[in-house]
Amino acid sequence: MAFDHLAIRNSASDRSSRAEIHNPLLRPLVARRIGDLPEPMRQELVPLLKELSADARGRTEASWGSQKAPMAVYWKAVSVYAMHLSRIVRPKS
């Protein structure tokens, strides 16, 4: 049986181009519920989430510098998820 490398490559690239792969918080139920928040609330949340992400990035660097790898990984995850949330919450254009 021969493998169709082109088909495998296309299916992999199709998967990697889907938004929910890059941002797991876009899965339907979560994204829909967050997207249903009132516009004024979402407008207030975006800068707060971005600030949380920036703070967590700083804590990540400090943890790496202190050789506290588990905490660095934790803060990195906080930073990534805060940015994912900010992109879901930002006002619809």
C-alpha atoms as a PDB file:
ATOM      1  CA  MET A   1       0.000   0.000   0.000  1.00  0.00           C
ATOM      2  CA  ALA A   2       1.477   3.327  -1.041  1.00  0.00           C
ATOM      3  CA  PHE A   3       1.013   6.472   1.033  1.00  0.00           C
ATOM      4  CA  ASP A   4      -0.354   9.571  -0.573  1.00  0.00           C
ATOM      5  CA  HIS A   5       2.074  12.103   0.930  1.00  0.00           C
ATOM      6  CA  LEU A   6       0.279  15.005  -0.728  1.00  0.00           C
ATOM      7  CA  ALA A   7      -3.015  14.020   0.911  1.00  0.00           C
ATOM      8  CA  ILE A   8      -1.324  13.685   4.294  1.00  0.00           C
ATOM      9  CA  ARG A   9       0.342  17.085   3.887  1.00  0.00           C
ATOM     10  CA  ASN A  10      -2.936  18.710   2.796  1.00  0.00           C
ATOM     11  CA  SER A  11      -4.880  17.268   5.711  1.00  0.00           C
ATOM     12  CA  ALA A  12      -2.177  18.442   8.119  1.00  0.00           C
ATOM     13  CA  SER A  13      -2.163  21.945   6.644  1.00  0.00           C
ATOM     14  CA  ASP A  14      -5.976  22.040   6.654  1.00  0.00           C
ATOM     15  CA  ARG A  15      -5.910  21.187  10.348  1.00  0.00           C
ATOM     16  CA  SER A  16      -3.220  23.720  11.187  1.00  0.00           C
ATOM     17  CA  SER A  17      -5.032  26.532   9.393  1.00  0.00           C
ATOM     18  CA  ARG A  18      -8.179  26.139  11.505  1.00  0.00           C
ATOM     19  CA  ALA A  19      -8.526  28.900  14.081  1.00  0.00           C
ATOM     20  CA  GLU A  20      -9.601  26.566  16.897  1.00  0.00           C
ATOM     21  CA  ILE A  21      -6.273  24.727  16.597  1.00  0.00           C
ATOM     22  CA  HIS A  22      -4.330  27.921  17.347  1.00  0.00           C
ATOM     23  CA  ASN A  23      -6.858  29.142  19.906  1.00  0.00           C
ATOM     24  CA  PRO A  24      -8.534  26.222  21.722  1.00  0.00           C
ATOM     25  CA  LEU A  25     -10.893  28.638  23.420  1.00  0.00           C
ATOM     26  CA  LEU A  26     -12.665  29.075  20.086  1.00  0.00           C
ATOM     27  CA  ARG A  27     -14.366  25.725  20.466  1.00  0.00           C
ATOM     28  CA  PRO A  28     -18.042  26.356  19.788  1.00  0.00           C
ATOM     29  CA  LEU A  29     -19.648  26.354  23.247  1.00  0.00           C
ATOM     30  CA  VAL A  30     -17.010  28.471  24.931  1.00  0.00           C
ATOM     31  CA  ALA A  31     -16.672  30.982  22.096  1.00  0.00           C
ATOM     32  CA  ARG A  32     -20.420  31.334  21.723  1.00  0.00           C
ATOM     33  CA  ARG A  33     -20.965  32.020  25.425  1.00  0.00           C
ATOM     34  CA  ILE A  34     -18.112  34.525  25.585  1.00  0.00           C
ATOM     35  CA  GLY A  35     -19.241  36.132  22.343  1.00  0.00           C
ATOM     36  CA  ASP A  36     -22.724  36.594  23.797  1.00  0.00           C
ATOM     37  CA  LEU A  37     -21.453  38.888  26.544  1.00  0.00           C
ATOM     38  CA  PRO A  38     -22.738  42.451  26.242  1.00  0.00           C
ATOM     39  CA  GLU A  39     -20.523  44.698  24.086  1.00  0.00           C
ATOM     40  CA  PRO A  40     -19.650  47.157  26.910  1.00  0.00           C
ATOM     41  CA  MET A  41     -18.471  44.283  29.105  1.00  0.00           C
ATOM     42  CA  ARG A  42     -16.321  42.878  26.302  1.00  0.00           C
ATOM     43  CA  GLN A  43     -14.810  46.316  25.650  1.00  0.00           C
ATOM     44  CA  GLU A  44     -13.721  46.516  29.291  1.00  0.00           C
ATOM     45  CA  LEU A  45     -12.326  42.991  29.379  1.00  0.00           C
ATOM     46  CA  VAL A  46      -9.947  43.282  26.406  1.00  0.00           C
ATOM     47  CA  PRO A  47      -7.426  45.688  27.987  1.00  0.00           C
ATOM     48  CA  LEU A  48      -7.602  43.825  31.305  1.00  0.00           C
ATOM     49  CA  LEU A  49      -6.814  40.513  29.631  1.00  0.00           C
ATOM     50  CA  LYS A  50      -3.960  42.080  27.673  1.00  0.00           C
ATOM     51  CA  GLU A  51      -2.578  43.541  30.899  1.00  0.00           C
ATOM     52  CA  LEU A  52      -2.834  40.132  32.576  1.00  0.00           C
ATOM     53  CA  SER A  53      -0.974  38.587  29.636  1.00  0.00           C
ATOM     54  CA  ALA A  54       1.807  41.182  29.776  1.00  0.00           C
ATOM     55  CA  ASP A  55       2.181  40.757  33.548  1.00  0.00           C
ATOM     56  CA  ALA A  56       2.315  36.973  33.173  1.00  0.00           C
ATOM     57  CA  ARG A  57       4.992  37.295  30.459  1.00  0.00           C
ATOM     58  CA  GLY A  58       7.100  39.332  32.888  1.00  0.00           C
ATOM     59  CA  ARG A  59       6.602  36.730  35.593  1.00  0.00           C
ATOM     60  CA  THR A  60       7.607  34.043  33.095  1.00  0.00           C
ATOM     61  CA  GLU A  61      10.926  35.768  32.449  1.00  0.00           C
ATOM     62  CA  ALA A  62      11.527  36.340  36.165  1.00  0.00           C
ATOM     63  CA  SER A  63      10.798  32.683  36.919  1.00  0.00           C
ATOM     64  CA  TRP A  64      13.200  31.492  34.219  1.00  0.00           C
ATOM     65  CA  GLY A  65      15.830  33.858  35.593  1.00  0.00           C
ATOM     66  CA  SER A  66      15.314  32.420  39.084  1.00  0.00           C
ATOM     67  CA  GLN A  67      15.572  28.880  37.722  1.00  0.00           C
ATOM     68  CA  LYS A  68      11.986  28.144  38.689  1.00  0.00           C
ATOM     69  CA  ALA A  69      10.939  26.289  35.543  1.00  0.00           C
ATOM     70  CA  PRO A  70       7.558  24.993  36.828  1.00  0.00           C
ATOM     71  CA  MET A  71       6.446  28.528  37.683  1.00  0.00           C
ATOM     72  CA  ALA A  72       7.767  29.832  34.355  1.00  0.00           C
ATOM     73  CA  VAL A  73       5.648  27.273  32.523  1.00  0.00           C
ATOM     74  CA  TYR A  74       2.623  28.183  34.622  1.00  0.00           C
ATOM     75  CA  TRP A  75       2.981  31.910  33.910  1.00  0.00           C
ATOM     76  CA  LYS A  76       3.571  31.241  30.221  1.00  0.00           C
ATOM     77  CA  ALA A  77       0.286  29.333  30.088  1.00  0.00           C
ATOM     78  CA  VAL A  78      -1.501  32.180  31.897  1.00  0.00           C
ATOM     79  CA  SER A  79      -0.108  34.631  29.357  1.00  0.00           C
ATOM     80  CA  VAL A  80      -1.168  32.565  26.348  1.00  0.00           C
ATOM     81  CA  TYR A  81      -4.677  31.906  27.630  1.00  0.00           C
ATOM     82  CA  ALA A  82      -5.184  35.575  28.537  1.00  0.00           C
ATOM     83  CA  MET A  83      -4.287  36.563  24.961  1.00  0.00           C
ATOM     84  CA  HIS A  84      -6.559  33.858  23.542  1.00  0.00           C
ATOM     85  CA  LEU A  85      -9.409  35.207  25.660  1.00  0.00           C
ATOM     86  CA  SER A  86      -8.707  38.806  24.655  1.00  0.00           C
ATOM     87  CA  ARG A  87      -9.039  37.837  20.996  1.00  0.00           C
ATOM     88  CA  ILE A  88     -12.387  36.144  21.623  1.00  0.00           C
ATOM     89  CA  VAL A  89     -13.724  38.986  23.753  1.00  0.00           C
ATOM     90  CA  ARG A  90     -12.623  41.922  21.557  1.00  0.00           C
ATOM     91  CA  PRO A  91     -15.563  43.789  20.061  1.00  0.00           C
ATOM     92  CA  LYS A  92     -16.964  42.443  16.831  1.00  0.00           C
ATOM     93  CA  SER A  93     -16.074  44.494  13.779  1.00  0.00           C
END
